[in-house]
């Protein structure tokens, strides 16, 4: 079962209050949670905490494979619970381009942008 850690909105109009919960991916935004991990009150004033999270349970759910939403990931980061991050697309493209450049240099054939970069670096070195 694919799970996600995300916020559910509670409270009243113009006074939002959010619960942090673990949900099946297919569950609607304010649907029933598998487990509630804490809450977030963006309008908290005075002594009341703005944010509470059960860190132990959050670590457990992340270890089981639950993916936090972007907002919850920032909360987890603030609490020191670092979620597993996906490889960024730019990193994959960079690795692919490095392999391609190495192959082109080895074969002696330069294509497209590589050819332009090589010409520009040759002019700069002269």
PDB file of N, CA and C in Angstrom:
ATOM      1  N   UNK A   1       0.851  -1.171   0.000  1.00  0.00           N
ATOM      2  CA  UNK A   1       0.000   0.000   0.000  1.00  0.00           C
ATOM      3  C   UNK A   1       0.896   1.233   0.000  1.00  0.00           C
ATOM      4  N   UNK A   2       0.716   2.118  -0.967  1.00  0.00           N
ATOM      5  CA  UNK A   2       1.485   3.358  -1.039  1.00  0.00           C
ATOM      6  C   UNK A   2       0.903   4.364  -0.058  1.00  0.00           C
ATOM      7  N   UNK A   3       1.771   4.896   0.799  1.00  0.00           N
ATOM      8  CA  UNK A   3       1.312   5.840   1.818  1.00  0.00           C
ATOM      9  C   UNK A   3       2.012   7.172   1.659  1.00  0.00           C
ATOM     10  N   UNK A   4       1.343   8.201   2.152  1.00  0.00           N
ATOM     11  CA  UNK A   4       1.874   9.553   2.082  1.00  0.00           C
ATOM     12  C   UNK A   4       1.588  10.246   3.415  1.00  0.00           C
ATOM     13  N   UNK A   5       2.511  11.104   3.829  1.00  0.00           N
ATOM     14  CA  UNK A   5       2.309  11.904   5.039  1.00  0.00           C
ATOM     15  C   UNK A   5       1.933  13.298   4.562  1.00  0.00           C
ATOM     16  N   UNK A   6       0.741  13.755   4.937  1.00  0.00           N
ATOM     17  CA  UNK A   6       0.280  15.057   4.454  1.00  0.00           C
ATOM     18  C   UNK A   6      -0.634  15.721   5.473  1.00  0.00           C
ATOM     19  N   UNK A   7      -1.052  16.939   5.146  1.00  0.00           N
ATOM     20  CA  UNK A   7      -1.901  17.730   6.027  1.00  0.00           C
ATOM     21  C   UNK A   7      -3.370  17.534   5.683  1.00  0.00           C
ATOM     22  N   UNK A   8      -4.229  17.585   6.710  1.00  0.00           N
ATOM     23  CA  UNK A   8      -5.675  17.656   6.501  1.00  0.00           C
ATOM     24  C   UNK A   8      -6.157  18.933   7.158  1.00  0.00           C
ATOM     25  N   UNK A   9      -7.032  19.641   6.491  1.00  0.00           N
ATOM     26  CA  UNK A   9      -7.509  20.907   7.011  1.00  0.00           C
ATOM     27  C   UNK A   9      -8.687  20.690   7.948  1.00  0.00           C
ATOM     28  N   UNK A  10      -8.620  21.343   9.076  1.00  0.00           N
ATOM     29  CA  UNK A  10      -9.693  21.376  10.064  1.00  0.00           C
ATOM     30  C   UNK A  10      -9.909  22.833  10.435  1.00  0.00           C
ATOM     31  N   UNK A  11     -10.740  23.073  11.439  1.00  0.00           N
ATOM     32  CA  UNK A  11     -10.982  24.443  11.880  1.00  0.00           C
ATOM     33  C   UNK A  11     -12.201  25.020  11.203  1.00  0.00           C
ATOM     34  N   UNK A  12     -12.265  26.327  11.179  1.00  0.00           N
ATOM     35  CA  UNK A  12     -13.405  26.985  10.550  1.00  0.00           C
ATOM     36  C   UNK A  12     -12.909  27.944   9.481  1.00  0.00           C
ATOM     37  N   UNK A  13     -13.844  28.632   8.852  1.00  0.00           N
ATOM     38  CA  UNK A  13     -13.492  29.549   7.783  1.00  0.00           C
ATOM     39  C   UNK A  13     -12.574  30.650   8.315  1.00  0.00           C
ATOM     40  N   UNK A  14     -11.522  30.941   7.590  1.00  0.00           N
ATOM     41  CA  UNK A  14     -10.520  31.952   7.936  1.00  0.00           C
ATOM     42  C   UNK A  14      -9.750  31.637   9.218  1.00  0.00           C
ATOM     43  N   UNK A  15      -9.883  30.454   9.736  1.00  0.00           N
ATOM     44  CA  UNK A  15      -9.113  30.031  10.913  1.00  0.00           C
ATOM     45  C   UNK A  15      -8.688  28.576  10.729  1.00  0.00           C
ATOM     46  N   UNK A  16      -7.763  28.325   9.801  1.00  0.00           N
ATOM     47  CA  UNK A  16      -7.393  26.943   9.513  1.00  0.00           C
ATOM     48  C   UNK A  16      -6.574  26.315  10.636  1.00  0.00           C
ATOM     49  N   UNK A  17      -6.705  25.019  10.746  1.00  0.00           N
ATOM     50  CA  UNK A  17      -5.955  24.198  11.681  1.00  0.00           C
ATOM     51  C   UNK A  17      -5.687  22.903  10.926  1.00  0.00           C
ATOM     52  N   UNK A  18      -4.467  22.439  10.927  1.00  0.00           N
ATOM     53  CA  UNK A  18      -4.120  21.269  10.126  1.00  0.00           C
ATOM     54  C   UNK A  18      -3.650  20.120  11.006  1.00  0.00           C
ATOM     55  N   UNK A  19      -4.062  18.914  10.655  1.00  0.00           N
ATOM     56  CA  UNK A  19      -3.540  17.710  11.282  1.00  0.00           C
ATOM     57  C   UNK A  19      -2.543  17.081  10.323  1.00  0.00           C
ATOM     58  N   UNK A  20      -1.487  16.550  10.875  1.00  0.00           N
ATOM     59  CA  UNK A  20      -0.486  15.842  10.083  1.00  0.00           C
ATOM     60  C   UNK A  20      -0.784  14.357  10.235  1.00  0.00           C
ATOM     61  N   UNK A  21      -1.024  13.698   9.117  1.00  0.00           N
ATOM     62  CA  UNK A  21      -1.417  12.299   9.191  1.00  0.00           C
ATOM     63  C   UNK A  21      -0.808  11.455   8.093  1.00  0.00           C
ATOM     64  N   UNK A  22      -0.919  10.160   8.270  1.00  0.00           N
ATOM     65  CA  UNK A  22      -0.470   9.185   7.275  1.00  0.00           C
ATOM     66  C   UNK A  22      -1.705   8.678   6.553  1.00  0.00           C
ATOM     67  N   UNK A  23      -1.673   8.729   5.226  1.00  0.00           N
ATOM     68  CA  UNK A  23      -2.826   8.372   4.405  1.00  0.00           C
ATOM     69  C   UNK A  23      -2.417   7.423   3.300  1.00  0.00           C
ATOM     70  N   UNK A  24      -3.387   6.655   2.840  1.00  0.00           N
ATOM     71  CA  UNK A  24      -3.231   5.929   1.594  1.00  0.00           C
ATOM     72  C   UNK A  24      -3.239   6.995   0.494  1.00  0.00           C
ATOM     73  N   UNK A  25      -2.474   6.801  -0.552  1.00  0.00           N
ATOM     74  CA  UNK A  25      -2.352   7.797  -1.617  1.00  0.00           C
ATOM     75  C   UNK A  25      -3.703   8.137  -2.238  1.00  0.00           C
ATOM     76  N   UNK A  26      -4.601   7.168  -2.301  1.00  0.00           N
ATOM     77  CA  UNK A  26      -5.885   7.370  -2.976  1.00  0.00           C
ATOM     78  C   UNK A  26      -6.924   8.067  -2.106  1.00  0.00           C
ATOM     79  N   UNK A  27      -6.625   8.306  -0.837  1.00  0.00           N
ATOM     80  CA  UNK A  27      -7.575   8.936   0.074  1.00  0.00           C
ATOM     81  C   UNK A  27      -7.703  10.421  -0.239  1.00  0.00           C
ATOM     82  N   UNK A  28      -8.922  10.952  -0.140  1.00  0.00           N
ATOM     83  CA  UNK A  28      -9.136  12.378  -0.400  1.00  0.00           C
ATOM     84  C   UNK A  28      -8.443  13.220   0.675  1.00  0.00           C
ATOM     85  N   UNK A  29      -8.347  14.518   0.439  1.00  0.00           N
ATOM     86  CA  UNK A  29      -7.577  15.407   1.309  1.00  0.00           C
ATOM     87  C   UNK A  29      -8.001  15.333   2.769  1.00  0.00           C
ATOM     88  N   UNK A  30      -9.289  15.420   3.030  1.00  0.00           N
ATOM     89  CA  UNK A  30      -9.782  15.406   4.404  1.00  0.00           C
ATOM     90  C   UNK A  30     -10.351  14.044   4.798  1.00  0.00           C
ATOM     91  N   UNK A  31      -9.894  13.004   4.133  1.00  0.00           N
ATOM     92  CA  UNK A  31     -10.385  11.662   4.425  1.00  0.00           C
ATOM     93  C   UNK A  31      -9.807  11.097   5.709  1.00  0.00           C
ATOM     94  N   UNK A  32     -10.116   9.839   5.950  1.00  0.00           N
ATOM     95  CA  UNK A  32      -9.699   9.185   7.181  1.00  0.00           C
ATOM     96  C   UNK A  32      -8.214   8.814   7.125  1.00  0.00           C
ATOM     97  N   UNK A  33      -7.496   9.169   8.168  1.00  0.00           N
ATOM     98  CA  UNK A  33      -6.062   8.901   8.246  1.00  0.00           C
ATOM     99  C   UNK A  33      -5.806   7.507   8.800  1.00  0.00           C
ATOM    100  N   UNK A  34      -4.715   6.909   8.373  1.00  0.00           N
ATOM    101  CA  UNK A  34      -4.267   5.657   8.965  1.00  0.00           C
ATOM    102  C   UNK A  34      -3.793   5.939  10.392  1.00  0.00           C
ATOM    103  N   UNK A  35      -3.042   7.036  10.535  1.00  0.00           N
ATOM    104  CA  UNK A  35      -2.555   7.449  11.854  1.00  0.00           C
ATOM    105  C   UNK A  35      -2.298   8.952  11.841  1.00  0.00           C
ATOM    106  N   UNK A  36      -2.673   9.637  12.920  1.00  0.00           N
ATOM    107  CA  UNK A  36      -2.368  11.057  13.068  1.00  0.00           C
ATOM    108  C   UNK A  36      -1.038  11.199  13.787  1.00  0.00           C
ATOM    109  N   UNK A  37      -0.157  12.036  13.218  1.00  0.00           N
ATOM    110  CA  UNK A  37       1.181  12.206  13.773  1.00  0.00           C
ATOM    111  C   UNK A  37       1.353  13.508  14.540  1.00  0.00           C
ATOM    112  N   UNK A  38       0.463  14.456  14.333  1.00  0.00           N
ATOM    113  CA  UNK A  38       0.610  15.734  15.020  1.00  0.00           C
ATOM    114  C   UNK A  38      -0.330  16.758  14.444  1.00  0.00           C
ATOM    115  N   UNK A  39      -0.032  18.033  14.715  1.00  0.00           N
ATOM    116  CA  UNK A  39      -0.875  19.107  14.197  1.00  0.00           C
ATOM    117  C   UNK A  39      -0.052  20.358  13.938  1.00  0.00           C
ATOM    118  N   UNK A  40      -0.634  21.268  13.157  1.00  0.00           N
ATOM    119  CA  UNK A  40      -0.012  22.538  12.797  1.00  0.00           C
ATOM    120  C   UNK A  40      -1.084  23.608  12.849  1.00  0.00           C
ATOM    121  N   UNK A  41      -0.836  24.646  13.637  1.00  0.00           N
ATOM    122  CA  UNK A  41      -1.771  25.757  13.759  1.00  0.00           C
ATOM    123  C   UNK A  41      -1.071  27.026  13.288  1.00  0.00           C
ATOM    124  N   UNK A  42      -1.315  27.465  12.051  1.00  0.00           N
ATOM    125  CA  UNK A  42      -0.615  28.636  11.526  1.00  0.00           C
ATOM    126  C   UNK A  42      -1.002  29.938  12.226  1.00  0.00           C
ATOM    127  N   UNK A  43      -2.122  29.957  12.936  1.00  0.00           N
ATOM    128  CA  UNK A  43      -2.581  31.178  13.597  1.00  0.00           C
ATOM    129  C   UNK A  43      -2.368  31.135  15.107  1.00  0.00           C
ATOM    130  N   UNK A  44      -1.499  30.268  15.599  1.00  0.00           N
ATOM    131  CA  UNK A  44      -1.281  30.129  17.042  1.00  0.00           C
ATOM    132  C   UNK A  44      -0.728  31.421  17.619  1.00  0.00           C
ATOM    133  N   UNK A  45      -1.277  31.802  18.762  1.00  0.00           N
ATOM    134  CA  UNK A  45      -0.824  33.011  19.448  1.00  0.00           C
ATOM    135  C   UNK A  45      -0.435  32.654  20.873  1.00  0.00           C
ATOM    136  N   UNK A  46       0.493  33.401  21.430  1.00  0.00           N
ATOM    137  CA  UNK A  46       0.837  33.235  22.837  1.00  0.00           C
ATOM    138  C   UNK A  46       1.554  31.940  23.142  1.00  0.00           C
ATOM    139  N   UNK A  47       1.102  31.278  24.206  1.00  0.00           N
ATOM    140  CA  UNK A  47       1.799  30.108  24.732  1.00  0.00           C
ATOM    141  C   UNK A  47       1.547  28.830  23.935  1.00  0.00           C
ATOM    142  N   UNK A  48       0.465  28.759  23.208  1.00  0.00           N
ATOM    143  CA  UNK A  48       0.126  27.538  22.483  1.00  0.00           C
ATOM    144  C   UNK A  48       1.145  27.219  21.408  1.00  0.00           C
ATOM    145  N   UNK A  49       1.510  25.925  21.280  1.00  0.00           N
ATOM    146  CA  UNK A  49       2.482  25.559  20.243  1.00  0.00           C
ATOM    147  C   UNK A  49       1.869  25.684  18.850  1.00  0.00           C
ATOM    148  N   UNK A  50       2.670  26.151  17.923  1.00  0.00           N
ATOM    149  CA  UNK A  50       2.205  26.285  16.545  1.00  0.00           C
ATOM    150  C   UNK A  50       2.281  24.946  15.823  1.00  0.00           C
ATOM    151  N   UNK A  51       3.199  24.102  16.270  1.00  0.00           N
ATOM    152  CA  UNK A  51       3.481  22.874  15.537  1.00  0.00           C
ATOM    153  C   UNK A  51       3.875  21.774  16.520  1.00  0.00           C
ATOM    154  N   UNK A  52       3.265  20.604  16.402  1.00  0.00           N
ATOM    155  CA  UNK A  52       3.637  19.436  17.195  1.00  0.00           C
ATOM    156  C   UNK A  52       3.700  18.231  16.270  1.00  0.00           C
ATOM    157  N   UNK A  53       4.683  17.374  16.527  1.00  0.00           N
ATOM    158  CA  UNK A  53       4.866  16.192  15.690  1.00  0.00           C
ATOM    159  C   UNK A  53       5.417  15.054  16.536  1.00  0.00           C
ATOM    160  N   UNK A  54       4.872  13.868  16.358  1.00  0.00           N
ATOM    161  CA  UNK A  54       5.393  12.666  17.000  1.00  0.00           C
ATOM    162  C   UNK A  54       6.544  12.166  16.125  1.00  0.00           C
ATOM    163  N   UNK A  55       7.758  12.546  16.508  1.00  0.00           N
ATOM    164  CA  UNK A  55       8.940  12.289  15.687  1.00  0.00           C
ATOM    165  C   UNK A  55       9.207  10.793  15.527  1.00  0.00           C
ATOM    166  N   UNK A  56       9.029  10.034  16.592  1.00  0.00           N
ATOM    167  CA  UNK A  56       9.276   8.586  16.520  1.00  0.00           C
ATOM    168  C   UNK A  56       8.388   7.920  15.471  1.00  0.00           C
ATOM    169  N   UNK A  57       7.113   8.245  15.480  1.00  0.00           N
ATOM    170  CA  UNK A  57       6.184   7.646  14.521  1.00  0.00           C
ATOM    171  C   UNK A  57       6.462   8.143  13.101  1.00  0.00           C
ATOM    172  N   UNK A  58       6.858   9.403  12.969  1.00  0.00           N
ATOM    173  CA  UNK A  58       7.195   9.929  11.644  1.00  0.00           C
ATOM    174  C   UNK A  58       8.395   9.179  11.071  1.00  0.00           C
ATOM    175  N   UNK A  59       9.405   8.943  11.892  1.00  0.00           N
ATOM    176  CA  UNK A  59      10.576   8.176  11.444  1.00  0.00           C
ATOM    177  C   UNK A  59      10.164   6.765  11.028  1.00  0.00           C
ATOM    178  N   UNK A  60       9.276   6.162  11.814  1.00  0.00           N
ATOM    179  CA  UNK A  60       8.806   4.816  11.481  1.00  0.00           C
ATOM    180  C   UNK A  60       8.133   4.806  10.110  1.00  0.00           C
ATOM    181  N   UNK A  61       7.198   5.727   9.887  1.00  0.00           N
ATOM    182  CA  UNK A  61       6.457   5.728   8.628  1.00  0.00           C
ATOM    183  C   UNK A  61       7.364   6.020   7.443  1.00  0.00           C
ATOM    184  N   UNK A  62       8.355   6.872   7.626  1.00  0.00           N
ATOM    185  CA  UNK A  62       9.298   7.138   6.539  1.00  0.00           C
ATOM    186  C   UNK A  62      10.127   5.894   6.255  1.00  0.00           C
ATOM    187  N   UNK A  63      10.525   5.172   7.308  1.00  0.00           N
ATOM    188  CA  UNK A  63      11.310   3.949   7.109  1.00  0.00           C
ATOM    189  C   UNK A  63      10.504   2.869   6.395  1.00  0.00           C
ATOM    190  N   UNK A  64       9.186   2.882   6.578  1.00  0.00           N
ATOM    191  CA  UNK A  64       8.312   1.911   5.927  1.00  0.00           C
ATOM    192  C   UNK A  64       8.063   2.287   4.469  1.00  0.00           C
ATOM    193  N   UNK A  65       8.310   3.556   4.109  1.00  0.00           N
ATOM    194  CA  UNK A  65       8.172   3.963   2.716  1.00  0.00           C
ATOM    195  C   UNK A  65       7.174   5.069   2.463  1.00  0.00           C
ATOM    196  N   UNK A  66       6.633   5.687   3.503  1.00  0.00           N
ATOM    197  CA  UNK A  66       5.687   6.790   3.305  1.00  0.00           C
ATOM    198  C   UNK A  66       6.436   8.008   2.776  1.00  0.00           C
ATOM    199  N   UNK A  67       5.860   8.666   1.776  1.00  0.00           N
ATOM    200  CA  UNK A  67       6.472   9.850   1.171  1.00  0.00           C
ATOM    201  C   UNK A  67       5.808  11.094   1.741  1.00  0.00           C
ATOM    202  N   UNK A  68       6.559  12.005   2.343  1.00  0.00           N
ATOM    203  CA  UNK A  68       5.950  13.233   2.868  1.00  0.00           C
ATOM    204  C   UNK A  68       5.648  14.216   1.742  1.00  0.00           C
ATOM    205  N   UNK A  69       4.585  15.006   1.927  1.00  0.00           N
ATOM    206  CA  UNK A  69       4.294  16.079   0.980  1.00  0.00           C
ATOM    207  C   UNK A  69       5.361  17.159   1.151  1.00  0.00           C
ATOM    208  N   UNK A  70       5.388  18.136   0.267  1.00  0.00           N
ATOM    209  CA  UNK A  70       6.406  19.187   0.325  1.00  0.00           C
ATOM    210  C   UNK A  70       6.335  19.960   1.640  1.00  0.00           C
ATOM    211  N   UNK A  71       5.126  20.294   2.075  1.00  0.00           N
ATOM    212  CA  UNK A  71       4.961  21.050   3.315  1.00  0.00           C
ATOM    213  C   UNK A  71       5.396  20.223   4.514  1.00  0.00           C
ATOM    214  N   UNK A  72       4.973  18.988   4.565  1.00  0.00           N
ATOM    215  CA  UNK A  72       5.340  18.117   5.682  1.00  0.00           C
ATOM    216  C   UNK A  72       6.842  17.845   5.665  1.00  0.00           C
ATOM    217  N   UNK A  73       7.441  17.745   4.481  1.00  0.00           N
ATOM    218  CA  UNK A  73       8.887  17.539   4.395  1.00  0.00           C
ATOM    219  C   UNK A  73       9.634  18.711   5.018  1.00  0.00           C
ATOM    220  N   UNK A  74       9.129  19.933   4.822  1.00  0.00           N
ATOM    221  CA  UNK A  74       9.781  21.092   5.444  1.00  0.00           C
ATOM    222  C   UNK A  74       9.628  21.047   6.961  1.00  0.00           C
ATOM    223  N   UNK A  75       8.485  20.577   7.460  1.00  0.00           N
ATOM    224  CA  UNK A  75       8.300  20.412   8.905  1.00  0.00           C
ATOM    225  C   UNK A  75       9.269  19.364   9.453  1.00  0.00           C
ATOM    226  N   UNK A  76       9.401  18.256   8.738  1.00  0.00           N
ATOM    227  CA  UNK A  76      10.294  17.190   9.177  1.00  0.00           C
ATOM    228  C   UNK A  76      11.742  17.664   9.196  1.00  0.00           C
ATOM    229  N   UNK A  77      12.099  18.448   8.207  1.00  0.00           N
ATOM    230  CA  UNK A  77      13.447  18.990   8.145  1.00  0.00           C
ATOM    231  C   UNK A  77      13.712  19.884   9.348  1.00  0.00           C
ATOM    232  N   UNK A  78      12.713  20.688   9.712  1.00  0.00           N
ATOM    233  CA  UNK A  78      12.831  21.588  10.857  1.00  0.00           C
ATOM    234  C   UNK A  78      12.989  20.802  12.161  1.00  0.00           C
ATOM    235  N   UNK A  79      12.362  19.633  12.241  1.00  0.00           N
ATOM    236  CA  UNK A  79      12.444  18.800  13.442  1.00  0.00           C
ATOM    237  C   UNK A  79      13.678  17.891  13.438  1.00  0.00           C
ATOM    238  N   UNK A  80      14.417  17.879  12.344  1.00  0.00           N
ATOM    239  CA  UNK A  80      15.621  17.055  12.286  1.00  0.00           C
ATOM    240  C   UNK A  80      15.398  15.653  11.760  1.00  0.00           C
ATOM    241  N   UNK A  81      14.224  15.387  11.237  1.00  0.00           N
ATOM    242  CA  UNK A  81      13.926  14.094  10.625  1.00  0.00           C
ATOM    243  C   UNK A  81      14.075  14.292   9.126  1.00  0.00           C
ATOM    244  N   UNK A  82      15.166  13.806   8.562  1.00  0.00           N
ATOM    245  CA  UNK A  82      15.425  14.026   7.146  1.00  0.00           C
ATOM    246  C   UNK A  82      14.783  12.916   6.331  1.00  0.00           C
ATOM    247  N   UNK A  83      13.766  13.227   5.516  1.00  0.00           N
ATOM    248  CA  UNK A  83      13.175  12.192   4.664  1.00  0.00           C
ATOM    249  C   UNK A  83      14.129  11.806   3.538  1.00  0.00           C
ATOM    250  N   UNK A  84      13.947  10.618   3.024  1.00  0.00           N
ATOM    251  CA  UNK A  84      14.757  10.155   1.906  1.00  0.00           C
ATOM    252  C   UNK A  84      14.361  10.963   0.681  1.00  0.00           C
ATOM    253  N   UNK A  85      15.339  11.587   0.031  1.00  0.00           N
ATOM    254  CA  UNK A  85      15.040  12.429  -1.122  1.00  0.00           C
ATOM    255  C   UNK A  85      15.276  11.656  -2.407  1.00  0.00           C
ATOM    256  N   UNK A  86      14.476  11.974  -3.397  1.00  0.00           N
ATOM    257  CA  UNK A  86      14.634  11.359  -4.705  1.00  0.00           C
ATOM    258  C   UNK A  86      15.845  11.970  -5.405  1.00  0.00           C
ATOM    259  N   UNK A  87      16.415  11.229  -6.343  1.00  0.00           N
ATOM    260  CA  UNK A  87      17.472  11.788  -7.163  1.00  0.00           C
ATOM    261  C   UNK A  87      16.858  12.864  -8.045  1.00  0.00           C
ATOM    262  N   UNK A  88      17.495  14.008  -8.069  1.00  0.00           N
ATOM    263  CA  UNK A  88      16.944  15.105  -8.851  1.00  0.00           C
ATOM    264  C   UNK A  88      17.172  14.849 -10.332  1.00  0.00           C
ATOM    265  N   UNK A  89      16.265  15.350 -11.128  1.00  0.00           N
ATOM    266  CA  UNK A  89      16.327  15.136 -12.564  1.00  0.00           C
ATOM    267  C   UNK A  89      17.600  15.745 -13.143  1.00  0.00           C
ATOM    268  N   UNK A  90      18.012  16.900 -12.624  1.00  0.00           N
ATOM    269  CA  UNK A  90      19.211  17.548 -13.144  1.00  0.00           C
ATOM    270  C   UNK A  90      20.445  16.697 -12.893  1.00  0.00           C
ATOM    271  N   UNK A  91      20.500  16.001 -11.754  1.00  0.00           N
ATOM    272  CA  UNK A  91      21.637  15.137 -11.470  1.00  0.00           C
ATOM    273  C   UNK A  91      21.703  13.988 -12.466  1.00  0.00           C
ATOM    274  N   UNK A  92      20.548  13.414 -12.767  1.00  0.00           N
ATOM    275  CA  UNK A  92      20.528  12.317 -13.733  1.00  0.00           C
ATOM    276  C   UNK A  92      20.967  12.817 -15.104  1.00  0.00           C
ATOM    277  N   UNK A  93      20.489  14.005 -15.502  1.00  0.00           N
ATOM    278  CA  UNK A  93      20.873  14.548 -16.800  1.00  0.00           C
ATOM    279  C   UNK A  93      22.363  14.862 -16.831  1.00  0.00           C
ATOM    280  N   UNK A  94      22.893  15.364 -15.719  1.00  0.00           N
ATOM    281  CA  UNK A  94      24.310  15.697 -15.656  1.00  0.00           C
ATOM    282  C   UNK A  94      25.148  14.431 -15.817  1.00  0.00           C
ATOM    283  N   UNK A  95      24.760  13.354 -15.149  1.00  0.00           N
ATOM    284  CA  UNK A  95      25.499  12.102 -15.261  1.00  0.00           C
ATOM    285  C   UNK A  95      25.465  11.587 -16.694  1.00  0.00           C
ATOM    286  N   UNK A  96      24.287  11.691 -17.307  1.00  0.00           N
ATOM    287  CA  UNK A  96      24.131  11.234 -18.683  1.00  0.00           C
ATOM    288  C   UNK A  96      25.007  12.068 -19.621  1.00  0.00           C
ATOM    289  N   UNK A  97      25.044  13.390 -19.415  1.00  0.00           N
ATOM    290  CA  UNK A  97      25.821  14.252 -20.299  1.00  0.00           C
ATOM    291  C   UNK A  97      27.320  14.027 -20.109  1.00  0.00           C
ATOM    292  N   UNK A  98      27.752  13.730 -18.891  1.00  0.00           N
ATOM    293  CA  UNK A  98      29.166  13.439 -18.657  1.00  0.00           C
ATOM    294  C   UNK A  98      29.567  12.177 -19.400  1.00  0.00           C
ATOM    295  N   UNK A  99      28.722  11.156 -19.354  1.00  0.00           N
ATOM    296  CA  UNK A  99      29.008   9.919 -20.091  1.00  0.00           C
ATOM    297  C   UNK A  99      29.069  10.188 -21.592  1.00  0.00           C
ATOM    298  N   UNK A 100      28.119  10.998 -22.084  1.00  0.00           N
ATOM    299  CA  UNK A 100      28.083  11.302 -23.510  1.00  0.00           C
ATOM    300  C   UNK A 100      29.334  12.067 -23.932  1.00  0.00           C
ATOM    301  N   UNK A 101      29.758  13.047 -23.127  1.00  0.00           N
ATOM    302  CA  UNK A 101      30.956  13.817 -23.446  1.00  0.00           C
ATOM    303  C   UNK A 101      32.189  12.923 -23.491  1.00  0.00           C
ATOM    304  N   UNK A 102      32.287  12.014 -22.532  1.00  0.00           N
ATOM    305  CA  UNK A 102      33.434  11.107 -22.506  1.00  0.00           C
ATOM    306  C   UNK A 102      33.457  10.234 -23.756  1.00  0.00           C
ATOM    307  N   UNK A 103      32.299   9.747 -24.168  1.00  0.00           N
ATOM    308  CA  UNK A 103      32.221   8.909 -25.367  1.00  0.00           C
ATOM    309  C   UNK A 103      32.571   9.709 -26.615  1.00  0.00           C
ATOM    310  N   UNK A 104      32.117  10.961 -26.686  1.00  0.00           N
ATOM    311  CA  UNK A 104      32.407  11.791 -27.859  1.00  0.00           C
ATOM    312  C   UNK A 104      33.889  12.140 -27.940  1.00  0.00           C
ATOM    313  N   UNK A 105      34.501  12.427 -26.804  1.00  0.00           N
ATOM    314  CA  UNK A 105      35.931  12.744 -26.803  1.00  0.00           C
ATOM    315  C   UNK A 105      36.749  11.526 -27.214  1.00  0.00           C
ATOM    316  N   UNK A 106      36.307  10.358 -26.744  1.00  0.00           N
ATOM    317  CA  UNK A 106      37.018   9.131 -27.063  1.00  0.00           C
ATOM    318  C   UNK A 106      36.939   8.825 -28.557  1.00  0.00           C
ATOM    319  N   UNK A 107      35.750   9.036 -29.151  1.00  0.00           N
ATOM    320  CA  UNK A 107      35.576   8.736 -30.572  1.00  0.00           C
ATOM    321  C   UNK A 107      36.073   9.868 -31.467  1.00  0.00           C
ATOM    322  N   UNK A 108      36.234  11.060 -30.908  1.00  0.00           N
ATOM    323  CA  UNK A 108      36.713  12.194 -31.689  1.00  0.00           C
ATOM    324  C   UNK A 108      35.619  12.925 -32.432  1.00  0.00           C
ATOM    325  N   UNK A 109      34.370  12.522 -32.268  1.00  0.00           N
ATOM    326  CA  UNK A 109      33.248  13.177 -32.930  1.00  0.00           C
ATOM    327  C   UNK A 109      32.505  14.033 -31.912  1.00  0.00           C
ATOM    328  N   UNK A 110      32.301  15.289 -32.257  1.00  0.00           N
ATOM    329  CA  UNK A 110      31.570  16.191 -31.378  1.00  0.00           C
ATOM    330  C   UNK A 110      30.265  16.582 -32.046  1.00  0.00           C
ATOM    331  N   UNK A 111      29.184  16.621 -31.270  1.00  0.00           N
ATOM    332  CA  UNK A 111      27.863  16.920 -31.809  1.00  0.00           C
ATOM    333  C   UNK A 111      27.231  18.079 -31.056  1.00  0.00           C
ATOM    334  N   UNK A 112      26.413  18.863 -31.749  1.00  0.00           N
ATOM    335  CA  UNK A 112      25.550  19.877 -31.145  1.00  0.00           C
ATOM    336  C   UNK A 112      26.247  20.843 -30.217  1.00  0.00           C
ATOM    337  N   UNK A 113      25.758  20.941 -29.001  1.00  0.00           N
ATOM    338  CA  UNK A 113      26.276  21.885 -28.014  1.00  0.00           C
ATOM    339  C   UNK A 113      27.730  21.587 -27.667  1.00  0.00           C
ATOM    340  N   UNK A 114      28.090  20.335 -27.691  1.00  0.00           N
ATOM    341  CA  UNK A 114      29.456  19.950 -27.368  1.00  0.00           C
ATOM    342  C   UNK A 114      30.421  20.558 -28.369  1.00  0.00           C
ATOM    343  N   UNK A 115      30.019  20.556 -29.639  1.00  0.00           N
ATOM    344  CA  UNK A 115      30.851  21.115 -30.696  1.00  0.00           C
ATOM    345  C   UNK A 115      31.026  22.616 -30.484  1.00  0.00           C
ATOM    346  N   UNK A 116      29.941  23.311 -30.124  1.00  0.00           N
ATOM    347  CA  UNK A 116      30.003  24.755 -29.879  1.00  0.00           C
ATOM    348  C   UNK A 116      30.870  25.070 -28.667  1.00  0.00           C
ATOM    349  N   UNK A 117      30.741  24.278 -27.610  1.00  0.00           N
ATOM    350  CA  UNK A 117      31.550  24.494 -26.408  1.00  0.00           C
ATOM    351  C   UNK A 117      33.028  24.270 -26.705  1.00  0.00           C
ATOM    352  N   UNK A 118      33.327  23.251 -27.494  1.00  0.00           N
ATOM    353  CA  UNK A 118      34.715  22.958 -27.841  1.00  0.00           C
ATOM    354  C   UNK A 118      35.304  24.094 -28.673  1.00  0.00           C
ATOM    355  N   UNK A 119      34.507  24.635 -29.600  1.00  0.00           N
ATOM    356  CA  UNK A 119      34.971  25.749 -30.427  1.00  0.00           C
ATOM    357  C   UNK A 119      35.198  26.990 -29.573  1.00  0.00           C
ATOM    358  N   UNK A 120      34.309  27.246 -28.632  1.00  0.00           N
ATOM    359  CA  UNK A 120      34.445  28.410 -27.754  1.00  0.00           C
ATOM    360  C   UNK A 120      35.672  28.278 -26.855  1.00  0.00           C
ATOM    361  N   UNK A 121      35.932  27.101 -26.345  1.00  0.00           N
ATOM    362  CA  UNK A 121      37.101  26.911 -25.478  1.00  0.00           C
ATOM    363  C   UNK A 121      38.394  26.993 -26.287  1.00  0.00           C
ATOM    364  N   UNK A 122      38.355  26.580 -27.567  1.00  0.00           N
ATOM    365  CA  UNK A 122      39.532  26.683 -28.426  1.00  0.00           C
ATOM    366  C   UNK A 122      39.859  28.145 -28.706  1.00  0.00           C
ATOM    367  N   UNK A 123      38.826  28.975 -28.927  1.00  0.00           N
ATOM    368  CA  UNK A 123      39.039  30.405 -29.149  1.00  0.00           C
ATOM    369  C   UNK A 123      39.589  31.073 -27.896  1.00  0.00           C
ATOM    370  N   UNK A 124      39.096  30.670 -26.758  1.00  0.00           N
ATOM    371  CA  UNK A 124      39.527  31.269 -25.492  1.00  0.00           C
ATOM    372  C   UNK A 124      40.973  30.907 -25.174  1.00  0.00           C
ATOM    373  N   UNK A 125      41.402  29.722 -25.565  1.00  0.00           N
ATOM    374  CA  UNK A 125      42.771  29.289 -25.263  1.00  0.00           C
ATOM    375  C   UNK A 125      43.797  29.926 -26.196  1.00  0.00           C
ATOM    376  N   UNK A 126      43.363  30.453 -27.353  1.00  0.00           N
ATOM    377  CA  UNK A 126      44.297  31.070 -28.314  1.00  0.00           C
ATOM    378  C   UNK A 126      44.734  32.412 -27.881  1.00  0.00           C
TER     379      UNK A 126
END
